[in-house]
């Protein structure tokens, strides 16, 4: 028995576009075709798709999934150990953030004013823009107009402003992780639209980001291990995918 692309998409809870993408990159080629050229998936194809989705949910990039499924010498245990480490780190981060939120709630209930350091514990300990990097950032960009503008704006923000900024960032992160989970390519419209939203978020809150500057930021996300770790802790491959999406978006708007 074989199944149409629509049927398989319904079984797996994914989009037809995702199945087409898997076929285009050689990750899941349907075992049969109709005389009209339409894709038909066999039971063996469904088994492979199940494995693909399993590894994808664990956070593996699609190119690594292909290696795992096609290389008989590949050891999936090493990849699982890495994923376990990432998940453990994520759990620890969420626990710290939950504790910080509880602390802030308790302080508000008791009428206690928190120090600036205590207020921003909710942002987590691995944010690359935390105070520990402020001095380095000033040394690198302190003489630029972008730095001066970001300092002027930040000085005007109150607690609600910082909360809105964080909520916007968290929402964008969640949607980008969902985009990665769906297997969207960085050169696709969905990823490029997210990259454009990323550029506009920085422009709206901190400083004007032309596409040339956005390209520089994108390269920093993979050249600086701290930024890479920050994004990849949310999902492996996040930093590289975002970098590629930003470059594709810049090309789209400046071609």
C-alpha atoms as a PDB file:
ATOM      1  CA  UNK A   1       0.000   0.000   0.000  1.00  0.00           C
ATOM      2  CA  UNK A   2       1.175   3.534  -0.693  1.00  0.00           C
ATOM      3  CA  UNK A   3      -0.049   6.928   0.431  1.00  0.00           C
ATOM      4  CA  UNK A   4      -0.360  10.385  -1.102  1.00  0.00           C
ATOM      5  CA  UNK A   5       1.647  13.338   0.169  1.00  0.00           C
ATOM      6  CA  UNK A   6      -1.515  14.795   1.676  1.00  0.00           C
ATOM      7  CA  UNK A   7      -2.292  11.602   3.554  1.00  0.00           C
ATOM      8  CA  UNK A   8       1.227  11.345   4.934  1.00  0.00           C
ATOM      9  CA  UNK A   9       1.192  14.986   6.000  1.00  0.00           C
ATOM     10  CA  UNK A  10      -2.038  14.289   7.883  1.00  0.00           C
ATOM     11  CA  UNK A  11      -0.645  11.161   9.549  1.00  0.00           C
ATOM     12  CA  UNK A  12       2.508  12.934  10.729  1.00  0.00           C
ATOM     13  CA  UNK A  13       1.020  16.298  11.627  1.00  0.00           C
ATOM     14  CA  UNK A  14       3.336  18.199   9.298  1.00  0.00           C
ATOM     15  CA  UNK A  15       2.786  20.248   6.173  1.00  0.00           C
ATOM     16  CA  UNK A  16       2.910  19.104   2.577  1.00  0.00           C
ATOM     17  CA  UNK A  17       5.538  21.788   2.068  1.00  0.00           C
ATOM     18  CA  UNK A  18       7.751  20.091   4.667  1.00  0.00           C
ATOM     19  CA  UNK A  19       7.503  16.760   2.839  1.00  0.00           C
ATOM     20  CA  UNK A  20       8.359  18.478  -0.446  1.00  0.00           C
ATOM     21  CA  UNK A  21      11.380  20.062   1.249  1.00  0.00           C
ATOM     22  CA  UNK A  22      12.558  16.693   2.591  1.00  0.00           C
ATOM     23  CA  UNK A  23      12.298  15.282  -0.913  1.00  0.00           C
ATOM     24  CA  UNK A  24      14.188  18.218  -2.440  1.00  0.00           C
ATOM     25  CA  UNK A  25      17.135  17.848  -0.041  1.00  0.00           C
ATOM     26  CA  UNK A  26      17.252  14.065  -0.413  1.00  0.00           C
ATOM     27  CA  UNK A  27      16.213  13.328   3.159  1.00  0.00           C
ATOM     28  CA  UNK A  28      12.987  11.504   2.288  1.00  0.00           C
ATOM     29  CA  UNK A  29      12.375  10.622  -1.352  1.00  0.00           C
ATOM     30  CA  UNK A  30       9.017   8.848  -1.878  1.00  0.00           C
ATOM     31  CA  UNK A  31       9.411   5.242  -2.935  1.00  0.00           C
ATOM     32  CA  UNK A  32       6.841   5.495  -5.715  1.00  0.00           C
ATOM     33  CA  UNK A  33       5.477   7.957  -8.254  1.00  0.00           C
ATOM     34  CA  UNK A  34       2.230   7.873 -10.204  1.00  0.00           C
ATOM     35  CA  UNK A  35       2.214   8.085 -13.982  1.00  0.00           C
ATOM     36  CA  UNK A  36       1.437  11.778 -13.525  1.00  0.00           C
ATOM     37  CA  UNK A  37       4.526  12.204 -11.342  1.00  0.00           C
ATOM     38  CA  UNK A  38       2.714  12.550  -8.012  1.00  0.00           C
ATOM     39  CA  UNK A  39       4.507  11.362  -4.897  1.00  0.00           C
ATOM     40  CA  UNK A  40       3.426   8.092  -3.269  1.00  0.00           C
ATOM     41  CA  UNK A  41       4.870   6.993   0.066  1.00  0.00           C
ATOM     42  CA  UNK A  42       5.383   3.325   1.020  1.00  0.00           C
ATOM     43  CA  UNK A  43       5.427   1.767   4.483  1.00  0.00           C
ATOM     44  CA  UNK A  44       9.237   1.916   4.385  1.00  0.00           C
ATOM     45  CA  UNK A  45       9.000   5.641   3.680  1.00  0.00           C
ATOM     46  CA  UNK A  46       6.711   6.058   6.684  1.00  0.00           C
ATOM     47  CA  UNK A  47       9.255   4.240   8.868  1.00  0.00           C
ATOM     48  CA  UNK A  48      11.978   6.622   7.717  1.00  0.00           C
ATOM     49  CA  UNK A  49       9.735   9.651   8.250  1.00  0.00           C
ATOM     50  CA  UNK A  50       9.011   8.464  11.794  1.00  0.00           C
ATOM     51  CA  UNK A  51      12.752   8.330  12.481  1.00  0.00           C
ATOM     52  CA  UNK A  52      13.266  11.767  10.917  1.00  0.00           C
ATOM     53  CA  UNK A  53      10.575  13.321  13.076  1.00  0.00           C
ATOM     54  CA  UNK A  54      11.932  11.583  16.176  1.00  0.00           C
ATOM     55  CA  UNK A  55      15.392  13.056  15.701  1.00  0.00           C
ATOM     56  CA  UNK A  56      13.985  16.413  14.678  1.00  0.00           C
ATOM     57  CA  UNK A  57      12.007  16.622  17.919  1.00  0.00           C
ATOM     58  CA  UNK A  58      15.243  15.926  19.768  1.00  0.00           C
ATOM     59  CA  UNK A  59      16.686  19.008  18.103  1.00  0.00           C
ATOM     60  CA  UNK A  60      19.016  17.523  15.509  1.00  0.00           C
ATOM     61  CA  UNK A  61      19.601  19.596  12.336  1.00  0.00           C
ATOM     62  CA  UNK A  62      18.304  17.919   9.203  1.00  0.00           C
ATOM     63  CA  UNK A  63      21.781  17.368   7.781  1.00  0.00           C
ATOM     64  CA  UNK A  64      22.730  15.419  10.905  1.00  0.00           C
ATOM     65  CA  UNK A  65      19.518  13.401  10.653  1.00  0.00           C
ATOM     66  CA  UNK A  66      20.534  12.375   7.141  1.00  0.00           C
ATOM     67  CA  UNK A  67      23.923  11.223   8.423  1.00  0.00           C
ATOM     68  CA  UNK A  68      22.311   9.195  11.197  1.00  0.00           C
ATOM     69  CA  UNK A  69      19.887   7.469   8.863  1.00  0.00           C
ATOM     70  CA  UNK A  70      22.195   6.907   5.890  1.00  0.00           C
ATOM     71  CA  UNK A  71      25.536   6.085   7.510  1.00  0.00           C
ATOM     72  CA  UNK A  72      25.553   2.547   8.968  1.00  0.00           C
ATOM     73  CA  UNK A  73      28.636   3.442  11.022  1.00  0.00           C
ATOM     74  CA  UNK A  74      27.076   6.503  12.652  1.00  0.00           C
ATOM     75  CA  UNK A  75      26.646   6.243  16.417  1.00  0.00           C
ATOM     76  CA  UNK A  76      23.352   7.877  17.488  1.00  0.00           C
ATOM     77  CA  UNK A  77      24.329   7.530  21.161  1.00  0.00           C
ATOM     78  CA  UNK A  78      26.886  10.317  20.843  1.00  0.00           C
ATOM     79  CA  UNK A  79      24.216  12.629  19.412  1.00  0.00           C
ATOM     80  CA  UNK A  80      21.783  11.632  22.156  1.00  0.00           C
ATOM     81  CA  UNK A  81      24.372  12.384  24.823  1.00  0.00           C
ATOM     82  CA  UNK A  82      24.854  15.858  23.357  1.00  0.00           C
ATOM     83  CA  UNK A  83      21.101  16.410  23.259  1.00  0.00           C
ATOM     84  CA  UNK A  84      20.825  15.267  26.870  1.00  0.00           C
ATOM     85  CA  UNK A  85      23.406  17.885  27.869  1.00  0.00           C
ATOM     86  CA  UNK A  86      21.480  20.615  26.025  1.00  0.00           C
ATOM     87  CA  UNK A  87      18.199  19.602  27.612  1.00  0.00           C
ATOM     88  CA  UNK A  88      19.775  19.520  31.074  1.00  0.00           C
ATOM     89  CA  UNK A  89      21.185  23.018  30.559  1.00  0.00           C
ATOM     90  CA  UNK A  90      17.790  24.262  29.377  1.00  0.00           C
ATOM     91  CA  UNK A  91      16.028  22.797  32.402  1.00  0.00           C
ATOM     92  CA  UNK A  92      18.523  24.487  34.740  1.00  0.00           C
ATOM     93  CA  UNK A  93      17.983  27.806  32.979  1.00  0.00           C
ATOM     94  CA  UNK A  94      14.198  27.556  33.270  1.00  0.00           C
ATOM     95  CA  UNK A  95      14.451  26.643  36.942  1.00  0.00           C
ATOM     96  CA  UNK A  96      16.577  29.721  37.619  1.00  0.00           C
ATOM     97  CA  UNK A  97      14.155  31.951  35.722  1.00  0.00           C
ATOM     98  CA  UNK A  98      11.184  30.500  37.627  1.00  0.00           C
ATOM     99  CA  UNK A  99      12.960  31.171  40.931  1.00  0.00           C
ATOM    100  CA  UNK A 100      13.685  34.762  39.861  1.00  0.00           C
ATOM    101  CA  UNK A 101      10.046  35.348  38.915  1.00  0.00           C
ATOM    102  CA  UNK A 102       8.846  33.918  42.233  1.00  0.00           C
ATOM    103  CA  UNK A 103      11.290  36.196  44.050  1.00  0.00           C
ATOM    104  CA  UNK A 104       9.981  39.248  42.169  1.00  0.00           C
ATOM    105  CA  UNK A 105       6.347  38.289  42.872  1.00  0.00           C
ATOM    106  CA  UNK A 106       7.030  37.827  46.572  1.00  0.00           C
ATOM    107  CA  UNK A 107       8.883  41.139  46.777  1.00  0.00           C
ATOM    108  CA  UNK A 108       6.009  42.996  45.108  1.00  0.00           C
ATOM    109  CA  UNK A 109       3.475  41.405  47.456  1.00  0.00           C
ATOM    110  CA  UNK A 110       5.525  42.523  50.472  1.00  0.00           C
ATOM    111  CA  UNK A 111       6.196  46.000  49.085  1.00  0.00           C
ATOM    112  CA  UNK A 112       9.952  45.447  48.808  1.00  0.00           C
ATOM    113  CA  UNK A 113      11.896  47.367  46.163  1.00  0.00           C
ATOM    114  CA  UNK A 114      14.327  45.088  44.363  1.00  0.00           C
ATOM    115  CA  UNK A 115      17.779  46.252  43.339  1.00  0.00           C
ATOM    116  CA  UNK A 116      18.471  46.661  39.587  1.00  0.00           C
ATOM    117  CA  UNK A 117      20.493  43.428  39.663  1.00  0.00           C
ATOM    118  CA  UNK A 118      17.616  41.514  41.261  1.00  0.00           C
ATOM    119  CA  UNK A 119      15.075  42.878  38.805  1.00  0.00           C
ATOM    120  CA  UNK A 120      16.968  41.551  35.821  1.00  0.00           C
ATOM    121  CA  UNK A 121      17.602  38.047  37.151  1.00  0.00           C
ATOM    122  CA  UNK A 122      14.534  37.012  35.161  1.00  0.00           C
ATOM    123  CA  UNK A 123      16.546  37.496  31.945  1.00  0.00           C
ATOM    124  CA  UNK A 124      18.643  34.426  32.790  1.00  0.00           C
ATOM    125  CA  UNK A 125      22.347  33.955  33.355  1.00  0.00           C
ATOM    126  CA  UNK A 126      23.392  33.125  29.797  1.00  0.00           C
ATOM    127  CA  UNK A 127      22.138  36.208  27.981  1.00  0.00           C
ATOM    128  CA  UNK A 128      25.150  37.508  25.993  1.00  0.00           C
ATOM    129  CA  UNK A 129      24.025  41.084  26.605  1.00  0.00           C
ATOM    130  CA  UNK A 130      24.252  40.764  30.402  1.00  0.00           C
ATOM    131  CA  UNK A 131      26.389  43.140  32.419  1.00  0.00           C
ATOM    132  CA  UNK A 132      29.408  40.827  32.273  1.00  0.00           C
ATOM    133  CA  UNK A 133      29.776  41.725  28.577  1.00  0.00           C
ATOM    134  CA  UNK A 134      28.859  45.396  28.855  1.00  0.00           C
ATOM    135  CA  UNK A 135      32.451  46.571  29.234  1.00  0.00           C
ATOM    136  CA  UNK A 136      33.592  44.522  26.258  1.00  0.00           C
ATOM    137  CA  UNK A 137      30.705  45.821  24.166  1.00  0.00           C
ATOM    138  CA  UNK A 138      31.577  49.406  25.046  1.00  0.00           C
ATOM    139  CA  UNK A 139      35.205  48.821  24.086  1.00  0.00           C
ATOM    140  CA  UNK A 140      34.177  47.396  20.720  1.00  0.00           C
ATOM    141  CA  UNK A 141      31.385  49.828  19.814  1.00  0.00           C
ATOM    142  CA  UNK A 142      31.610  52.675  22.321  1.00  0.00           C
ATOM    143  CA  UNK A 143      32.690  55.202  19.676  1.00  0.00           C
ATOM    144  CA  UNK A 144      29.822  54.419  17.310  1.00  0.00           C
ATOM    145  CA  UNK A 145      26.561  56.309  16.926  1.00  0.00           C
ATOM    146  CA  UNK A 146      24.665  53.026  17.289  1.00  0.00           C
ATOM    147  CA  UNK A 147      26.134  52.527  20.767  1.00  0.00           C
ATOM    148  CA  UNK A 148      25.327  56.091  21.790  1.00  0.00           C
ATOM    149  CA  UNK A 149      21.759  55.750  20.520  1.00  0.00           C
ATOM    150  CA  UNK A 150      21.240  52.445  22.347  1.00  0.00           C
ATOM    151  CA  UNK A 151      22.488  54.024  25.575  1.00  0.00           C
ATOM    152  CA  UNK A 152      20.148  57.008  25.173  1.00  0.00           C
ATOM    153  CA  UNK A 153      17.131  54.793  24.595  1.00  0.00           C
ATOM    154  CA  UNK A 154      17.961  52.341  27.395  1.00  0.00           C
ATOM    155  CA  UNK A 155      18.247  55.224  29.861  1.00  0.00           C
ATOM    156  CA  UNK A 156      14.613  56.175  29.162  1.00  0.00           C
ATOM    157  CA  UNK A 157      13.148  52.687  29.609  1.00  0.00           C
ATOM    158  CA  UNK A 158      11.214  51.795  32.718  1.00  0.00           C
ATOM    159  CA  UNK A 159      10.368  48.372  34.093  1.00  0.00           C
ATOM    160  CA  UNK A 160       7.334  47.926  31.820  1.00  0.00           C
ATOM    161  CA  UNK A 161       9.429  48.817  28.786  1.00  0.00           C
ATOM    162  CA  UNK A 162      11.988  46.145  29.644  1.00  0.00           C
ATOM    163  CA  UNK A 163       9.199  43.639  30.209  1.00  0.00           C
ATOM    164  CA  UNK A 164       7.668  44.378  26.796  1.00  0.00           C
ATOM    165  CA  UNK A 165      11.090  44.084  25.187  1.00  0.00           C
ATOM    166  CA  UNK A 166      11.675  40.718  26.850  1.00  0.00           C
ATOM    167  CA  UNK A 167       8.190  39.440  25.960  1.00  0.00           C
ATOM    168  CA  UNK A 168       8.721  40.369  22.320  1.00  0.00           C
ATOM    169  CA  UNK A 169      12.074  38.612  22.311  1.00  0.00           C
ATOM    170  CA  UNK A 170      10.699  35.488  23.976  1.00  0.00           C
ATOM    171  CA  UNK A 171       7.801  35.342  21.522  1.00  0.00           C
ATOM    172  CA  UNK A 172      10.182  35.691  18.558  1.00  0.00           C
ATOM    173  CA  UNK A 173      12.465  32.972  19.955  1.00  0.00           C
ATOM    174  CA  UNK A 174       9.556  30.564  20.378  1.00  0.00           C
ATOM    175  CA  UNK A 175       8.302  31.170  16.860  1.00  0.00           C
ATOM    176  CA  UNK A 176      11.772  30.734  15.392  1.00  0.00           C
ATOM    177  CA  UNK A 177      12.239  27.446  17.271  1.00  0.00           C
ATOM    178  CA  UNK A 178       8.897  26.301  15.819  1.00  0.00           C
ATOM    179  CA  UNK A 179      10.127  27.287  12.370  1.00  0.00           C
ATOM    180  CA  UNK A 180      13.258  25.186  12.894  1.00  0.00           C
ATOM    181  CA  UNK A 181      11.173  22.260  14.119  1.00  0.00           C
ATOM    182  CA  UNK A 182       9.099  22.454  10.938  1.00  0.00           C
ATOM    183  CA  UNK A 183      12.258  22.079   8.868  1.00  0.00           C
ATOM    184  CA  UNK A 184      11.924  25.440   7.155  1.00  0.00           C
ATOM    185  CA  UNK A 185      15.063  26.341   5.163  1.00  0.00           C
ATOM    186  CA  UNK A 186      16.854  29.595   6.060  1.00  0.00           C
ATOM    187  CA  UNK A 187      16.378  30.840   2.500  1.00  0.00           C
ATOM    188  CA  UNK A 188      12.614  30.341   2.610  1.00  0.00           C
ATOM    189  CA  UNK A 189      10.194  33.230   2.944  1.00  0.00           C
ATOM    190  CA  UNK A 190       9.141  32.253   6.464  1.00  0.00           C
ATOM    191  CA  UNK A 191      12.724  32.336   7.771  1.00  0.00           C
ATOM    192  CA  UNK A 192      13.581  35.539   5.916  1.00  0.00           C
ATOM    193  CA  UNK A 193      10.458  37.216   7.323  1.00  0.00           C
ATOM    194  CA  UNK A 194      11.575  36.210  10.812  1.00  0.00           C
ATOM    195  CA  UNK A 195      15.043  37.633  10.098  1.00  0.00           C
ATOM    196  CA  UNK A 196      13.472  40.907   8.999  1.00  0.00           C
ATOM    197  CA  UNK A 197      11.423  40.972  12.201  1.00  0.00           C
ATOM    198  CA  UNK A 198      14.671  40.442  14.137  1.00  0.00           C
ATOM    199  CA  UNK A 199      16.238  43.474  12.417  1.00  0.00           C
ATOM    200  CA  UNK A 200      13.192  45.628  13.083  1.00  0.00           C
ATOM    201  CA  UNK A 201      13.104  44.589  16.746  1.00  0.00           C
ATOM    202  CA  UNK A 202      16.655  45.864  17.283  1.00  0.00           C
ATOM    203  CA  UNK A 203      15.875  49.032  15.329  1.00  0.00           C
ATOM    204  CA  UNK A 204      12.744  49.689  17.354  1.00  0.00           C
ATOM    205  CA  UNK A 205      14.333  49.163  20.760  1.00  0.00           C
ATOM    206  CA  UNK A 206      18.012  50.037  20.456  1.00  0.00           C
ATOM    207  CA  UNK A 207      19.426  51.554  17.267  1.00  0.00           C
ATOM    208  CA  UNK A 208      18.960  51.739  13.520  1.00  0.00           C
ATOM    209  CA  UNK A 209      20.120  48.525  11.856  1.00  0.00           C
ATOM    210  CA  UNK A 210      20.716  48.801   8.116  1.00  0.00           C
ATOM    211  CA  UNK A 211      21.158  45.541   6.241  1.00  0.00           C
ATOM    212  CA  UNK A 212      24.936  45.914   6.138  1.00  0.00           C
ATOM    213  CA  UNK A 213      25.013  46.047   9.937  1.00  0.00           C
ATOM    214  CA  UNK A 214      22.552  43.184  10.206  1.00  0.00           C
ATOM    215  CA  UNK A 215      24.945  41.069   8.149  1.00  0.00           C
ATOM    216  CA  UNK A 216      27.725  41.843  10.634  1.00  0.00           C
ATOM    217  CA  UNK A 217      25.520  40.829  13.557  1.00  0.00           C
ATOM    218  CA  UNK A 218      24.659  37.580  11.766  1.00  0.00           C
ATOM    219  CA  UNK A 219      28.317  36.675  11.358  1.00  0.00           C
ATOM    220  CA  UNK A 220      28.941  37.433  15.034  1.00  0.00           C
ATOM    221  CA  UNK A 221      26.275  34.921  16.038  1.00  0.00           C
ATOM    222  CA  UNK A 222      28.455  32.092  14.736  1.00  0.00           C
ATOM    223  CA  UNK A 223      31.936  33.592  15.178  1.00  0.00           C
ATOM    224  CA  UNK A 224      31.413  34.365  18.889  1.00  0.00           C
ATOM    225  CA  UNK A 225      30.912  31.114  20.810  1.00  0.00           C
ATOM    226  CA  UNK A 226      28.862  32.874  23.497  1.00  0.00           C
ATOM    227  CA  UNK A 227      26.213  34.026  21.041  1.00  0.00           C
ATOM    228  CA  UNK A 228      26.189  30.612  19.372  1.00  0.00           C
ATOM    229  CA  UNK A 229      25.691  28.912  22.741  1.00  0.00           C
ATOM    230  CA  UNK A 230      22.878  31.337  23.642  1.00  0.00           C
ATOM    231  CA  UNK A 231      20.857  30.530  20.514  1.00  0.00           C
ATOM    232  CA  UNK A 232      21.759  26.837  20.260  1.00  0.00           C
ATOM    233  CA  UNK A 233      20.660  26.242  23.849  1.00  0.00           C
ATOM    234  CA  UNK A 234      17.121  26.889  22.599  1.00  0.00           C
ATOM    235  CA  UNK A 235      17.577  24.496  19.677  1.00  0.00           C
ATOM    236  CA  UNK A 236      20.755  23.062  18.128  1.00  0.00           C
ATOM    237  CA  UNK A 237      21.615  24.784  14.860  1.00  0.00           C
ATOM    238  CA  UNK A 238      19.610  27.918  15.738  1.00  0.00           C
ATOM    239  CA  UNK A 239      22.574  30.319  15.405  1.00  0.00           C
ATOM    240  CA  UNK A 240      23.723  29.043  12.007  1.00  0.00           C
ATOM    241  CA  UNK A 241      20.168  28.950  10.649  1.00  0.00           C
ATOM    242  CA  UNK A 242      19.496  32.512  11.848  1.00  0.00           C
ATOM    243  CA  UNK A 243      22.776  33.731  10.360  1.00  0.00           C
ATOM    244  CA  UNK A 244      21.867  32.227   6.967  1.00  0.00           C
ATOM    245  CA  UNK A 245      18.323  33.636   7.142  1.00  0.00           C
ATOM    246  CA  UNK A 246      19.619  37.136   7.932  1.00  0.00           C
ATOM    247  CA  UNK A 247      22.004  37.035   4.974  1.00  0.00           C
ATOM    248  CA  UNK A 248      19.266  35.760   2.665  1.00  0.00           C
ATOM    249  CA  UNK A 249      16.910  38.487   3.866  1.00  0.00           C
ATOM    250  CA  UNK A 250      19.554  41.156   3.341  1.00  0.00           C
ATOM    251  CA  UNK A 251      20.131  39.871  -0.198  1.00  0.00           C
ATOM    252  CA  UNK A 252      16.375  39.947  -0.824  1.00  0.00           C
ATOM    253  CA  UNK A 253      16.077  43.587   0.198  1.00  0.00           C
ATOM    254  CA  UNK A 254      19.293  44.930  -1.307  1.00  0.00           C
ATOM    255  CA  UNK A 255      19.489  43.036  -4.603  1.00  0.00           C
END
